[in-house]
Amino acid sequence: MIYSEYYRDYKGPDLTLSQIWTHETKKEDITEVIRNFYGKNNNWNGKLYTYKDIFPGRTGDKFYIEFKSNDGRKHWFHGFVGSEKQYFNPPLITPMNQSL
C-alpha cells in the first residue's frame, strides 16, 4: 500500500456491489470487504493497495465492482486479480459535470 495524491483528493460515487469469482466460477459477495478499503469518504482512503492487500490468496480470480453516482448512473469495472505485489489501480469515476 502507498499513499496517492490522486486518491487523497478524490470523492467517488457510492459503492453498491463487489463480487469475486473463484476458478470454479463460484460467485462471492465481498462488498463489505471492499467498502473498508474504499473508505467512508469514497476515496480508497487516499491509498493504492496491492492485490495482496485487497484480495489475499486470490491471484487469478475475476472481480467486479459497481458504484452508483448521485445522478443515479451506474459505474463499474472488472478485472482479474494479478500478482500479489502488483498494485490494484481502480479507475477514478468522475461525474461529467466535475473535473479532477
N, C-alpha and C. Protein backbone atom coordinates (compact mmCIF):
# COMPACT_ATOMS: atom_id res chain seq x y z
N MET A 1 0.85 -1.16 0.00
CA MET A 1 0.00 0.00 0.00
C MET A 1 0.89 1.23 0.00
N ILE A 2 0.47 2.23 -0.81
CA ILE A 2 1.16 3.52 -0.83
C ILE A 2 0.11 4.64 -0.85
N TYR A 3 0.47 5.78 -0.32
CA TYR A 3 -0.42 6.94 -0.37
C TYR A 3 -0.39 7.54 -1.76
N SER A 4 -1.52 8.06 -2.20
CA SER A 4 -1.65 8.62 -3.54
C SER A 4 -2.37 9.95 -3.48
N GLU A 5 -1.77 10.99 -4.05
CA GLU A 5 -2.41 12.30 -4.05
C GLU A 5 -3.68 12.29 -4.88
N TYR A 6 -3.73 11.45 -5.92
CA TYR A 6 -4.93 11.39 -6.76
C TYR A 6 -6.12 10.85 -5.98
N TYR A 7 -5.90 9.83 -5.20
CA TYR A 7 -7.00 9.26 -4.42
C TYR A 7 -7.29 10.09 -3.17
N ARG A 8 -6.30 10.74 -2.63
CA ARG A 8 -6.49 11.56 -1.43
C ARG A 8 -7.55 12.64 -1.66
N ASP A 9 -7.49 13.29 -2.82
CA ASP A 9 -8.41 14.39 -3.13
C ASP A 9 -9.65 13.94 -3.90
N TYR A 10 -9.81 12.66 -4.07
CA TYR A 10 -10.91 12.10 -4.85
C TYR A 10 -12.14 11.88 -3.98
N LYS A 11 -13.33 12.10 -4.55
CA LYS A 11 -14.60 11.78 -3.88
C LYS A 11 -15.45 11.06 -4.90
N GLY A 12 -15.48 9.73 -4.79
CA GLY A 12 -16.19 8.92 -5.77
C GLY A 12 -17.64 8.65 -5.41
N PRO A 13 -18.34 7.96 -6.30
CA PRO A 13 -19.73 7.58 -6.04
C PRO A 13 -19.81 6.47 -4.99
N ASP A 14 -21.01 6.20 -4.53
CA ASP A 14 -21.21 5.18 -3.51
C ASP A 14 -20.99 3.78 -4.07
N LEU A 15 -20.29 2.97 -3.31
CA LEU A 15 -20.07 1.57 -3.65
C LEU A 15 -21.36 0.81 -3.42
N THR A 16 -21.80 0.02 -4.41
CA THR A 16 -23.05 -0.71 -4.27
C THR A 16 -22.89 -2.23 -4.31
N LEU A 17 -21.83 -2.72 -5.00
CA LEU A 17 -21.68 -4.16 -5.13
C LEU A 17 -20.23 -4.51 -5.45
N SER A 18 -19.74 -5.55 -4.83
CA SER A 18 -18.42 -6.09 -5.14
C SER A 18 -18.52 -7.61 -5.10
N GLN A 19 -18.00 -8.25 -6.15
CA GLN A 19 -18.05 -9.70 -6.22
C GLN A 19 -16.71 -10.22 -6.71
N ILE A 20 -16.43 -11.45 -6.35
CA ILE A 20 -15.25 -12.14 -6.86
C ILE A 20 -15.67 -13.55 -7.24
N TRP A 21 -15.08 -14.05 -8.34
CA TRP A 21 -15.36 -15.40 -8.80
C TRP A 21 -14.11 -16.23 -8.64
N THR A 22 -14.26 -17.41 -8.10
CA THR A 22 -13.14 -18.34 -8.00
C THR A 22 -12.92 -18.99 -9.36
N HIS A 23 -11.89 -19.79 -9.45
CA HIS A 23 -11.60 -20.50 -10.70
C HIS A 23 -12.75 -21.43 -11.07
N GLU A 24 -13.53 -21.86 -10.10
CA GLU A 24 -14.67 -22.76 -10.35
C GLU A 24 -15.93 -21.96 -10.66
N THR A 25 -15.83 -20.66 -10.89
CA THR A 25 -16.92 -19.73 -11.17
C THR A 25 -17.92 -19.59 -10.02
N LYS A 26 -17.48 -19.86 -8.81
CA LYS A 26 -18.32 -19.64 -7.64
C LYS A 26 -18.26 -18.16 -7.28
N LYS A 27 -19.42 -17.50 -7.28
CA LYS A 27 -19.50 -16.07 -7.02
C LYS A 27 -19.59 -15.80 -5.51
N GLU A 28 -18.82 -14.82 -5.05
CA GLU A 28 -18.81 -14.47 -3.62
C GLU A 28 -18.98 -12.95 -3.48
N ASP A 29 -19.91 -12.53 -2.63
CA ASP A 29 -20.12 -11.11 -2.37
C ASP A 29 -19.04 -10.62 -1.40
N ILE A 30 -18.26 -9.64 -1.81
CA ILE A 30 -17.20 -9.08 -0.96
C ILE A 30 -17.40 -7.57 -0.78
N THR A 31 -18.65 -7.12 -0.90
CA THR A 31 -18.94 -5.68 -0.83
C THR A 31 -18.42 -5.05 0.46
N GLU A 32 -18.65 -5.67 1.59
CA GLU A 32 -18.21 -5.06 2.85
C GLU A 32 -16.69 -5.04 2.99
N VAL A 33 -16.03 -6.04 2.44
CA VAL A 33 -14.56 -6.06 2.45
C VAL A 33 -14.03 -4.88 1.64
N ILE A 34 -14.57 -4.71 0.43
CA ILE A 34 -14.12 -3.62 -0.44
C ILE A 34 -14.52 -2.27 0.16
N ARG A 35 -15.67 -2.19 0.78
CA ARG A 35 -16.12 -0.93 1.41
C ARG A 35 -15.10 -0.44 2.45
N ASN A 36 -14.48 -1.35 3.18
CA ASN A 36 -13.46 -0.96 4.16
C ASN A 36 -12.26 -0.30 3.48
N PHE A 37 -11.87 -0.80 2.30
CA PHE A 37 -10.77 -0.20 1.56
C PHE A 37 -11.20 1.09 0.87
N TYR A 38 -12.42 1.13 0.36
CA TYR A 38 -12.94 2.31 -0.35
C TYR A 38 -13.07 3.49 0.61
N GLY A 39 -13.41 3.21 1.86
CA GLY A 39 -13.42 4.22 2.91
C GLY A 39 -14.70 5.02 3.01
N LYS A 40 -14.85 5.71 4.13
CA LYS A 40 -16.07 6.50 4.37
C LYS A 40 -16.15 7.72 3.47
N ASN A 41 -15.03 8.17 2.92
CA ASN A 41 -15.02 9.32 2.02
C ASN A 41 -15.01 8.92 0.54
N ASN A 42 -15.22 7.63 0.27
CA ASN A 42 -15.26 7.12 -1.11
C ASN A 42 -14.01 7.51 -1.90
N ASN A 43 -12.84 7.35 -1.26
CA ASN A 43 -11.59 7.76 -1.92
C ASN A 43 -10.47 6.74 -1.75
N TRP A 44 -10.83 5.49 -1.49
CA TRP A 44 -9.85 4.43 -1.27
C TRP A 44 -8.91 4.79 -0.13
N ASN A 45 -9.41 5.58 0.82
CA ASN A 45 -8.63 6.04 1.98
C ASN A 45 -7.34 6.75 1.55
N GLY A 46 -7.35 7.31 0.33
CA GLY A 46 -6.19 8.05 -0.17
C GLY A 46 -5.01 7.17 -0.51
N LYS A 47 -5.25 5.88 -0.78
CA LYS A 47 -4.14 4.93 -0.97
C LYS A 47 -4.34 4.07 -2.22
N LEU A 48 -3.24 3.58 -2.72
CA LEU A 48 -3.22 2.50 -3.70
C LEU A 48 -2.81 1.24 -2.95
N TYR A 49 -3.55 0.17 -3.14
CA TYR A 49 -3.30 -1.08 -2.44
C TYR A 49 -2.75 -2.12 -3.42
N THR A 50 -2.04 -3.09 -2.90
CA THR A 50 -1.63 -4.22 -3.74
C THR A 50 -2.78 -5.22 -3.81
N TYR A 51 -2.70 -6.10 -4.78
CA TYR A 51 -3.71 -7.16 -4.85
C TYR A 51 -3.67 -8.01 -3.59
N LYS A 52 -2.52 -8.18 -3.00
CA LYS A 52 -2.42 -8.95 -1.76
C LYS A 52 -3.20 -8.27 -0.63
N ASP A 53 -3.17 -6.92 -0.58
CA ASP A 53 -3.94 -6.18 0.44
C ASP A 53 -5.44 -6.41 0.27
N ILE A 54 -5.91 -6.28 -0.95
CA ILE A 54 -7.36 -6.31 -1.23
C ILE A 54 -7.89 -7.74 -1.37
N PHE A 55 -7.16 -8.57 -2.09
CA PHE A 55 -7.61 -9.92 -2.42
C PHE A 55 -6.57 -10.96 -2.02
N PRO A 56 -6.26 -11.12 -0.74
CA PRO A 56 -5.21 -12.06 -0.35
C PRO A 56 -5.52 -13.50 -0.79
N GLY A 57 -4.53 -14.12 -1.42
CA GLY A 57 -4.68 -15.51 -1.83
C GLY A 57 -5.62 -15.74 -2.99
N ARG A 58 -6.00 -14.69 -3.72
CA ARG A 58 -7.00 -14.83 -4.79
C ARG A 58 -6.42 -14.59 -6.18
N THR A 59 -5.12 -14.70 -6.36
CA THR A 59 -4.49 -14.47 -7.66
C THR A 59 -5.18 -15.27 -8.76
N GLY A 60 -5.53 -14.58 -9.84
CA GLY A 60 -6.20 -15.22 -10.98
C GLY A 60 -7.71 -15.18 -10.93
N ASP A 61 -8.29 -14.89 -9.77
CA ASP A 61 -9.75 -14.81 -9.68
C ASP A 61 -10.24 -13.53 -10.35
N LYS A 62 -11.47 -13.55 -10.82
CA LYS A 62 -12.09 -12.41 -11.50
C LYS A 62 -12.90 -11.60 -10.48
N PHE A 63 -12.83 -10.25 -10.60
CA PHE A 63 -13.62 -9.40 -9.70
C PHE A 63 -14.49 -8.43 -10.50
N TYR A 64 -15.53 -7.94 -9.84
CA TYR A 64 -16.47 -6.97 -10.42
C TYR A 64 -16.83 -6.00 -9.31
N ILE A 65 -16.72 -4.69 -9.57
CA ILE A 65 -17.04 -3.68 -8.56
C ILE A 65 -17.96 -2.63 -9.20
N GLU A 66 -19.04 -2.30 -8.49
CA GLU A 66 -20.08 -1.42 -9.03
C GLU A 66 -20.35 -0.26 -8.08
N PHE A 67 -20.65 0.90 -8.66
CA PHE A 67 -20.93 2.12 -7.91
C PHE A 67 -22.18 2.77 -8.47
N LYS A 68 -22.78 3.66 -7.68
CA LYS A 68 -23.93 4.43 -8.16
C LYS A 68 -23.69 5.89 -7.79
N SER A 69 -23.72 6.77 -8.80
CA SER A 69 -23.48 8.19 -8.56
C SER A 69 -24.77 8.88 -8.12
N ASN A 70 -24.65 10.11 -7.66
CA ASN A 70 -25.80 10.86 -7.16
C ASN A 70 -26.88 11.08 -8.21
N ASP A 71 -26.50 11.08 -9.49
CA ASP A 71 -27.48 11.26 -10.55
C ASP A 71 -28.14 9.94 -10.97
N GLY A 72 -27.83 8.86 -10.24
CA GLY A 72 -28.46 7.57 -10.48
C GLY A 72 -27.74 6.68 -11.49
N ARG A 73 -26.66 7.18 -12.09
CA ARG A 73 -25.93 6.36 -13.06
C ARG A 73 -25.12 5.28 -12.37
N LYS A 74 -25.04 4.12 -13.03
CA LYS A 74 -24.24 3.01 -12.53
C LYS A 74 -22.88 3.05 -13.20
N HIS A 75 -21.83 2.90 -12.40
CA HIS A 75 -20.45 2.84 -12.89
C HIS A 75 -19.87 1.52 -12.40
N TRP A 76 -19.05 0.90 -13.21
CA TRP A 76 -18.48 -0.39 -12.81
C TRP A 76 -17.15 -0.62 -13.50
N PHE A 77 -16.40 -1.53 -12.94
CA PHE A 77 -15.20 -2.03 -13.59
C PHE A 77 -14.97 -3.46 -13.13
N HIS A 78 -14.18 -4.18 -13.89
CA HIS A 78 -13.91 -5.57 -13.56
C HIS A 78 -12.50 -5.91 -14.01
N GLY A 79 -12.02 -7.04 -13.57
CA GLY A 79 -10.69 -7.48 -13.96
C GLY A 79 -10.33 -8.79 -13.28
N PHE A 80 -9.07 -9.14 -13.41
CA PHE A 80 -8.53 -10.33 -12.78
C PHE A 80 -7.52 -9.92 -11.73
N VAL A 81 -7.49 -10.63 -10.62
CA VAL A 81 -6.52 -10.36 -9.56
C VAL A 81 -5.14 -10.74 -10.10
N GLY A 82 -4.25 -9.77 -10.10
CA GLY A 82 -2.90 -10.00 -10.60
C GLY A 82 -1.96 -10.51 -9.52
N SER A 83 -0.69 -10.40 -9.79
CA SER A 83 0.35 -10.79 -8.84
C SER A 83 0.14 -10.07 -7.51
N GLU A 84 0.45 -10.75 -6.42
CA GLU A 84 0.23 -10.17 -5.09
C GLU A 84 0.97 -8.85 -4.89
N LYS A 85 2.10 -8.67 -5.57
CA LYS A 85 2.88 -7.44 -5.41
C LYS A 85 2.43 -6.33 -6.35
N GLN A 86 1.58 -6.67 -7.32
CA GLN A 86 1.09 -5.69 -8.29
C GLN A 86 0.06 -4.78 -7.61
N TYR A 87 0.02 -3.50 -8.02
CA TYR A 87 -0.95 -2.57 -7.44
C TYR A 87 -2.31 -2.70 -8.11
N PHE A 88 -3.33 -2.75 -7.28
CA PHE A 88 -4.72 -2.69 -7.71
C PHE A 88 -5.00 -1.21 -7.92
N ASN A 89 -5.23 -0.82 -9.17
CA ASN A 89 -5.33 0.59 -9.52
C ASN A 89 -6.73 0.88 -10.08
N PRO A 90 -7.73 1.05 -9.21
CA PRO A 90 -9.10 1.26 -9.69
C PRO A 90 -9.25 2.62 -10.37
N PRO A 91 -10.15 2.71 -11.35
CA PRO A 91 -10.35 3.98 -12.05
C PRO A 91 -11.00 5.02 -11.13
N LEU A 92 -10.71 6.28 -11.41
CA LEU A 92 -11.37 7.38 -10.72
C LEU A 92 -12.62 7.73 -11.52
N ILE A 93 -13.77 7.54 -10.92
CA ILE A 93 -15.04 7.79 -11.60
C ILE A 93 -15.43 9.22 -11.28
N THR A 94 -15.52 10.05 -12.31
CA THR A 94 -15.82 11.47 -12.12
C THR A 94 -17.08 11.82 -12.90
N PRO A 95 -18.07 12.44 -12.25
CA PRO A 95 -19.27 12.88 -12.97
C PRO A 95 -18.89 13.82 -14.12
N MET A 96 -19.69 13.80 -15.18
CA MET A 96 -19.38 14.61 -16.36
C MET A 96 -19.33 16.10 -16.06
N ASN A 97 -20.02 16.56 -15.03
CA ASN A 97 -20.01 17.98 -14.70
C ASN A 97 -18.95 18.35 -13.69
N GLN A 98 -18.01 17.46 -13.46
CA GLN A 98 -16.95 17.67 -12.48
C GLN A 98 -15.61 17.36 -13.14
N SER A 99 -14.57 17.97 -12.65
CA SER A 99 -13.24 17.63 -13.15
C SER A 99 -12.36 17.24 -11.98
N LEU A 100 -11.31 16.49 -12.28
CA LEU A 100 -10.38 16.06 -11.23
C LEU A 100 -9.47 17.17 -10.83
